[in-house]
Structure formats: C-alpha cells, structure tokens
Protein backbone atom coordinates (compact mmCIF):
# COMPACT_ATOMS: atom_id res chain seq x y z
CA MET A 1 0.00 0.00 0.00
CA GLU A 2 1.33 3.43 -0.94
CA GLN A 3 2.46 5.64 1.94
CA ALA A 4 1.47 9.30 1.77
CA THR A 5 4.06 12.00 2.34
CA ARG A 6 3.00 14.65 4.85
CA LEU A 7 3.78 18.12 3.54
CA VAL A 8 4.19 21.06 5.89
CA LEU A 9 3.89 24.09 3.61
CA ILE A 10 5.23 27.44 4.78
CA ARG A 11 5.13 30.84 3.16
CA HIS A 12 8.21 32.91 4.02
CA GLY A 13 8.08 35.55 6.75
CA GLU A 14 7.17 39.14 5.98
CA THR A 15 9.39 41.41 3.88
CA ALA A 16 9.38 45.18 3.52
CA TRP A 17 7.88 44.75 0.07
CA ASN A 18 5.05 42.63 1.47
CA ARG A 19 4.17 45.48 3.80
CA ALA A 20 4.37 48.00 0.95
CA THR A 21 2.30 45.71 -1.34
CA ARG A 22 5.10 45.61 -3.92
CA ILE A 23 5.32 42.65 -6.27
CA GLN A 24 8.42 40.60 -5.51
CA GLY A 25 8.40 37.66 -7.90
CA HIS A 26 12.00 36.61 -8.55
CA THR A 27 13.40 39.84 -7.06
CA ASP A 28 15.52 38.70 -4.11
CA ILE A 29 14.17 40.61 -1.11
CA PRO A 30 15.27 39.54 2.41
CA LEU A 31 13.04 39.23 5.46
CA SER A 32 12.20 42.31 7.46
CA PRO A 33 12.87 42.34 11.24
CA LEU A 34 9.26 41.23 11.72
CA GLY A 35 9.76 38.46 9.15
CA LEU A 36 12.81 37.17 11.02
CA ALA A 37 10.82 37.14 14.27
CA GLN A 38 7.99 35.29 12.51
CA ALA A 39 10.48 32.67 11.28
CA GLU A 40 11.70 32.10 14.84
CA ARG A 41 8.14 31.70 16.11
CA LEU A 42 7.45 29.26 13.30
CA ALA A 43 10.52 27.20 14.15
CA GLU A 44 9.44 27.01 17.78
CA ALA A 45 5.93 25.93 16.77
CA LEU A 46 7.31 23.10 14.63
CA ALA A 47 10.06 22.02 17.03
CA ASP A 48 8.35 18.69 17.71
CA GLU A 49 7.35 18.02 14.10
CA PRO A 50 9.13 14.81 12.94
CA LEU A 51 10.62 16.35 9.80
CA ALA A 52 12.73 14.15 7.54
CA ALA A 53 13.78 17.01 5.26
CA ILE A 54 13.44 20.74 4.69
CA TYR A 55 13.13 22.09 1.14
CA ALA A 56 13.09 25.77 0.26
CA SER A 57 13.03 28.20 -2.61
CA ASP A 58 16.48 29.61 -3.28
CA LEU A 59 15.28 33.21 -2.83
CA SER A 60 16.52 34.90 0.36
CA ARG A 61 13.16 35.39 2.03
CA ALA A 62 12.37 31.67 1.83
CA ARG A 63 15.93 30.60 2.66
CA GLN A 64 16.01 32.73 5.80
CA THR A 65 12.67 31.33 6.96
CA ALA A 66 13.86 27.77 6.30
CA ASP A 67 17.15 28.41 8.10
CA ALA A 68 15.33 29.12 11.36
CA LEU A 69 13.48 25.80 11.07
CA ALA A 70 16.66 23.97 10.06
CA ARG A 71 18.53 25.16 13.15
CA VAL A 72 15.88 23.69 15.44
CA HIS A 73 15.79 20.37 13.59
CA GLU A 74 19.52 20.19 12.83
CA LEU A 75 18.74 19.48 9.19
CA PRO A 76 20.22 20.99 6.02
CA VAL A 77 18.06 23.17 3.82
CA ARG A 78 17.67 21.69 0.33
CA LEU A 79 17.30 24.58 -2.10
CA ASP A 80 15.07 24.11 -5.13
CA ALA A 81 14.54 26.90 -7.66
CA GLY A 82 11.33 25.10 -8.67
CA LEU A 83 9.81 26.47 -5.46
CA ARG A 84 10.44 30.10 -6.44
CA GLU A 85 7.62 32.60 -6.62
CA ARG A 86 6.07 33.30 -10.01
CA ALA A 87 8.18 35.58 -12.21
CA PHE A 88 6.27 38.83 -12.75
CA GLY A 89 8.60 40.52 -15.24
CA ARG A 90 8.05 44.28 -15.45
CA PHE A 91 5.53 44.18 -12.60
CA GLU A 92 8.29 43.41 -10.08
CA GLY A 93 9.04 46.26 -7.71
CA LEU A 94 5.73 47.98 -8.40
CA SER A 95 2.81 48.29 -6.00
CA TRP A 96 -0.66 47.09 -6.97
CA ASP A 97 -1.78 50.70 -7.47
CA GLU A 98 1.24 51.49 -9.68
CA ILE A 99 0.56 48.43 -11.84
CA ALA A 100 -3.07 49.47 -12.30
CA GLN A 101 -2.01 52.99 -13.26
CA ASP A 102 0.97 52.16 -15.51
CA PHE A 103 -0.27 48.96 -17.17
CA PRO A 104 -4.08 49.01 -17.01
CA GLU A 105 -4.69 46.36 -19.70
CA ASP A 106 -2.09 43.98 -18.31
CA ALA A 107 -3.38 44.63 -14.79
CA ALA A 108 -6.92 43.68 -15.84
CA ARG A 109 -5.76 40.41 -17.40
CA TRP A 110 -3.64 39.65 -14.32
CA ARG A 111 -6.54 40.28 -11.94
CA ARG A 112 -8.81 38.09 -14.10
CA ARG A 113 -6.25 35.32 -13.55
CA GLU A 114 -6.03 34.41 -17.23
CA PRO A 115 -4.03 31.15 -17.09
CA ASP A 116 -2.06 31.76 -20.29
CA PHE A 117 -1.29 35.43 -19.64
CA ALA A 118 2.36 36.31 -18.92
CA VAL A 119 3.38 39.91 -18.34
CA GLY A 120 6.54 40.92 -20.23
CA GLY A 121 9.47 38.92 -18.87
CA GLY A 122 7.24 36.86 -16.57
CA GLU A 123 5.52 33.49 -16.32
CA SER A 124 1.95 32.49 -17.07
CA LEU A 125 -0.11 30.88 -14.34
CA ASN A 126 -0.09 27.63 -16.29
CA SER A 127 3.69 27.41 -16.56
CA PHE A 128 4.23 28.63 -13.00
CA SER A 129 1.79 26.10 -11.54
CA ALA A 130 3.36 23.25 -13.52
CA ARG A 131 6.81 24.25 -12.23
CA CYS A 132 5.99 24.45 -8.55
CA LEU A 133 3.71 21.39 -8.49
CA ASP A 134 6.48 19.39 -10.14
CA ALA A 135 8.93 20.54 -7.45
CA ALA A 136 6.50 19.53 -4.68
CA ARG A 137 5.86 16.14 -6.29
CA ARG A 138 9.59 15.44 -6.60
CA ALA A 139 10.21 16.31 -2.96
CA ALA A 140 7.26 14.20 -1.79
CA ALA A 141 8.32 11.21 -3.89
CA ALA A 142 11.76 11.26 -2.26
CA HIS A 143 10.26 10.82 1.24
CA PRO A 144 7.29 8.40 1.13
CA GLY A 145 5.60 8.01 4.49
CA ALA A 146 7.58 10.86 6.06
CA SER A 147 6.94 14.49 6.98
CA ILE A 148 8.79 17.19 5.06
CA ALA A 149 8.70 20.98 5.07
CA LEU A 150 8.46 23.05 1.90
CA VAL A 151 9.28 26.72 2.51
CA ALA A 152 8.20 28.82 -0.43
CA HIS A 153 5.99 31.74 -1.46
CA GLY A 154 2.36 32.78 -1.54
CA GLY A 155 1.93 31.93 -5.19
CA VAL A 156 3.43 28.47 -4.73
CA LEU A 157 1.15 27.73 -1.79
CA ASP A 158 -1.81 29.02 -3.79
CA CYS A 159 -1.07 26.53 -6.60
CA LEU A 160 -0.75 23.66 -4.14
CA TYR A 161 -4.01 24.59 -2.40
CA ARG A 162 -5.78 24.63 -5.77
CA ALA A 163 -4.30 21.27 -6.72
CA ALA A 164 -5.42 19.74 -3.41
CA THR A 165 -8.94 21.18 -3.54
CA ARG A 166 -9.44 20.90 -7.32
CA VAL A 167 -9.96 24.65 -7.73
CA ALA A 168 -9.14 26.04 -11.18
CA LEU A 169 -6.24 28.45 -11.62
CA ALA A 170 -8.61 31.08 -13.00
CA ALA A 171 -11.01 30.92 -10.03
CA PRO A 172 -10.94 33.79 -7.51
CA ARG A 173 -9.02 33.12 -4.31
CA SER A 174 -11.07 32.83 -1.11
CA TRP A 175 -8.38 31.41 1.21
CA GLN A 176 -5.60 33.08 3.18
CA LEU A 177 -1.86 32.89 2.44
CA GLY A 178 -0.37 34.39 5.58
CA ASN A 179 3.34 34.94 6.08
CA ALA A 180 4.99 32.22 8.21
CA THR A 181 1.76 30.28 8.69
CA ILE A 182 1.57 26.48 8.82
CA ASN A 183 -0.30 24.65 6.07
CA ARG A 184 -0.65 20.88 5.64
CA LEU A 185 -1.25 18.55 2.71
CA LEU A 186 -0.87 14.85 2.01
CA ALA A 187 0.86 13.82 -1.21
CA THR A 188 0.59 10.50 -3.05
CA THR A 189 0.98 9.48 -6.67
CA GLU A 190 -2.76 10.20 -6.98
CA GLY A 191 -2.28 13.87 -6.07
CA PHE A 192 -2.54 16.22 -3.10
CA THR A 193 -5.12 16.27 -0.28
CA LEU A 194 -5.82 19.21 2.03
CA VAL A 195 -5.34 18.59 5.76
CA GLY A 196 -5.13 22.06 7.33
CA TRP A 197 -4.56 25.64 6.21
CA ASN A 198 -3.21 28.99 7.40
CA ASP A 199 -2.57 28.07 11.04
CA ASP A 200 -1.19 31.29 12.54
CA ARG A 201 -1.66 30.64 16.26
CA HIS A 202 2.11 30.77 16.86
CA LEU A 203 2.17 34.35 15.56
CA ALA A 204 -0.45 35.65 18.01
CA GLY A 205 0.43 39.06 19.38
CA LEU A 206 3.53 39.51 17.22
CA THR A 207 3.58 42.87 15.41
CA ALA A 208 6.15 45.13 13.77
CA ASP A 209 6.02 47.36 16.87
CA ASP A 210 7.40 44.48 18.96
CA VAL A 211 10.52 44.08 16.80
CA ALA A 212 13.43 46.50 16.80
CA ALA A 213 14.31 47.71 13.32
C-alpha cells in the first residue's frame, strides 16, 4: 500500500515589500525584522514536528525562513529553484496601485487570472503552476511516508491549495496565504489532499512594533 508523504507548507516571513504591497516575484528581497521574528516563532511551533527534510526556494526570504526551522531540527536546507515565486517581469518592484495605473490592460488580465497570460518577462499561471507542483511532487516522492517541510511563497502555496482542492487556476481566491503560517497537505501518486490551512496561532500578538528595526 502506498504511503502518503506529509507536507508542511510554509510561506516565508514578511518582507518590507510585502508590507508596501510591492510585487516581488524573482526579485531577491530579504526578510524584514518582523519576518525574522515570525520565522523564529514558526521554528518554535514546529520544534516537535518529525521532519525528515526541509526544502526551500532559493530566494533569500524563503531561505532565511527555512534556516530558522533547520537550526531547530539540525537538518540541512535543500534549495530548489522550482519552489520560487512566479516571475512577474516588469511588474516586479511595483505596488498594486502602480501596476493598475501604468499597465491598465495587463493589470486587468492579471486580476482576471487568465491562465495563459504572462506579463513581459514573466511566467503564465499555467507554466508557474506546472513548475511548482512538479517541485512539490519530486520532494514528496523522495520521502514516502515521512513528513517534510516546503518553505516557499504565496503563489506556490496558492497553486498547491488549488491542486489539493481541485480549484481552477482562474477561479478567484477565497483562502488566506499568511506569512509564516503552517499549512498541511498529504501527497501521493494520486495527487494532493488538504489537511489544514493557514494556522497562525504561533504568531499571536507579534507585530512590527514588537521588533526592533
């Protein structure tokens, strides 16, 4: 009988661009002081999780979040560029309002979630989803019956949620993708199954005002 792999999915901690609602994509932005504190809280919350491996996007914000977890578990972080955020091309570095003002037609197609639409220099939803789901499947297949952590980005977690719940890429999002929250799926050769989502209890009471800049 096939053994399912238990996936602990984690979006990186907060960055300054998250707070400013700027599109990050492949732009390598580190964690803010609050994001670093969130990563430490996350690591504490998962200290007793029987992790066999920790995988992470190779972008700094995911690596830093994974490093906190790796220190607690005394495991190496396995970097996988397949877990990177979607590439947003010329949108990167711009806020949502700036995108709407500077590229109104592209912004409309982006907000409609057209699966084949790719802004200049970026990825379409279809190609992005195929990339990150393949990375998750490869990691899961390497650890049948075990628990592993995947530390990635909001877009990656969104694709995995949709795959587990059979929600189309073009459908509006109605679920949360909080920074440094804990999300759980099961993975088998048949696909992904949702177990739990957006657990943020370990972040209770933690705000930017509590963290020295």
